[in-house]
Amino acid sequence: MYECCKNYERQIESEGGIDICVCEIGAAGSLAFNEPGSPATSLCRLVLLGSEARHKIAGDYKCDAVPTTAITLGISNIL
């Protein structure tokens, strides 16, 4: 997964960075899948999904099998 995240960052950089980023802000203050307290220097990475995020995914997508992890851009990538 590490190489997948690093490759994604390289692709973003090769395109000149991110001009506009549309992210969901969760009820508890998460940005994308960055939970409150994520460092401003965080990069693209694999994260464990919390209960709130998993319940929201299950409801939004009407699915029984909800992932326990996700790849997210870090705060540094988003900024």
Protein backbone atom coordinates (compact mmCIF):
# COMPACT_ATOMS: atom_id res chain seq x y z
CA MET A 1 0.00 0.00 0.00
CA TYR A 2 2.91 2.36 0.73
CA GLU A 3 4.05 2.26 -2.91
CA CYS A 4 0.48 2.84 -4.11
CA CYS A 5 0.26 6.00 -1.97
CA LYS A 6 3.69 7.25 -3.06
CA ASN A 7 2.80 6.63 -6.72
CA TYR A 8 -0.42 8.63 -6.29
CA GLU A 9 1.56 11.53 -4.81
CA ARG A 10 4.04 11.37 -7.71
CA GLN A 11 1.17 11.49 -10.20
CA ILE A 12 -0.32 14.54 -8.46
CA GLU A 13 3.08 16.26 -8.47
CA SER A 14 3.68 15.45 -12.16
CA GLU A 15 0.38 17.17 -12.99
CA GLY A 16 1.39 20.32 -11.10
CA GLY A 17 -0.39 19.66 -7.81
CA ILE A 18 -4.03 19.94 -6.76
CA ASP A 19 -5.98 23.05 -7.79
CA ILE A 20 -9.34 22.12 -6.28
CA CYS A 21 -10.04 19.39 -3.75
CA VAL A 22 -13.59 18.37 -2.83
CA CYS A 23 -13.58 16.68 0.57
CA GLU A 24 -16.31 15.68 2.96
CA ILE A 25 -16.14 17.07 6.47
CA GLY A 26 -17.46 14.51 8.94
CA ALA A 27 -19.69 15.25 11.93
CA ALA A 28 -16.72 14.74 14.28
CA GLY A 29 -14.51 17.07 12.22
CA SER A 30 -12.77 14.60 9.93
CA LEU A 31 -11.55 15.96 6.58
CA ALA A 32 -11.62 13.29 3.88
CA PHE A 33 -10.56 10.32 6.06
CA ASN A 34 -8.21 12.42 8.22
CA GLU A 35 -9.53 12.23 11.76
CA PRO A 36 -9.25 15.26 14.07
CA GLY A 37 -5.69 15.45 15.35
CA SER A 38 -4.11 14.31 12.08
CA PRO A 39 -0.86 16.24 11.69
CA ALA A 40 -0.73 19.05 9.15
CA THR A 41 2.29 17.26 7.65
CA SER A 42 0.37 14.01 7.00
CA LEU A 43 0.67 12.51 3.51
CA CYS A 44 -1.33 10.03 1.43
CA ARG A 45 -1.73 6.85 3.48
CA LEU A 46 -3.83 3.85 4.44
CA VAL A 47 -6.11 4.59 7.40
CA LEU A 48 -8.42 2.52 9.56
CA LEU A 49 -12.03 3.63 9.23
CA GLY A 50 -13.77 4.45 12.47
CA SER A 51 -17.26 3.31 13.40
CA GLU A 52 -18.86 6.62 12.36
CA ALA A 53 -17.30 6.52 8.89
CA ARG A 54 -18.22 2.85 8.39
CA HIS A 55 -21.86 3.47 9.37
CA LYS A 56 -22.05 6.44 7.01
CA ILE A 57 -20.62 4.40 4.13
CA ALA A 58 -23.07 1.56 4.83
CA GLY A 59 -26.00 3.99 4.80
CA ASP A 60 -24.89 6.08 1.82
CA TYR A 61 -24.08 3.09 -0.39
CA LYS A 62 -26.69 0.65 0.98
CA CYS A 63 -24.11 -2.10 1.48
CA ASP A 64 -23.56 -4.79 4.08
CA ALA A 65 -19.84 -5.35 3.45
CA VAL A 66 -18.16 -2.11 4.51
CA PRO A 67 -14.38 -1.72 4.20
CA THR A 68 -12.34 -1.33 7.37
CA THR A 69 -9.59 0.72 5.69
CA ALA A 70 -9.29 3.47 3.08
CA ILE A 71 -6.58 5.40 1.27
CA THR A 72 -6.74 9.12 1.97
CA LEU A 73 -4.79 12.15 0.95
CA GLY A 74 -3.10 13.70 3.96
CA ILE A 75 -3.65 17.22 5.20
CA SER A 76 -0.36 18.27 3.58
CA ASN A 77 -1.50 16.89 0.21
CA ILE A 78 -4.85 18.66 0.44
CA LEU A 79 -3.33 22.00 1.41
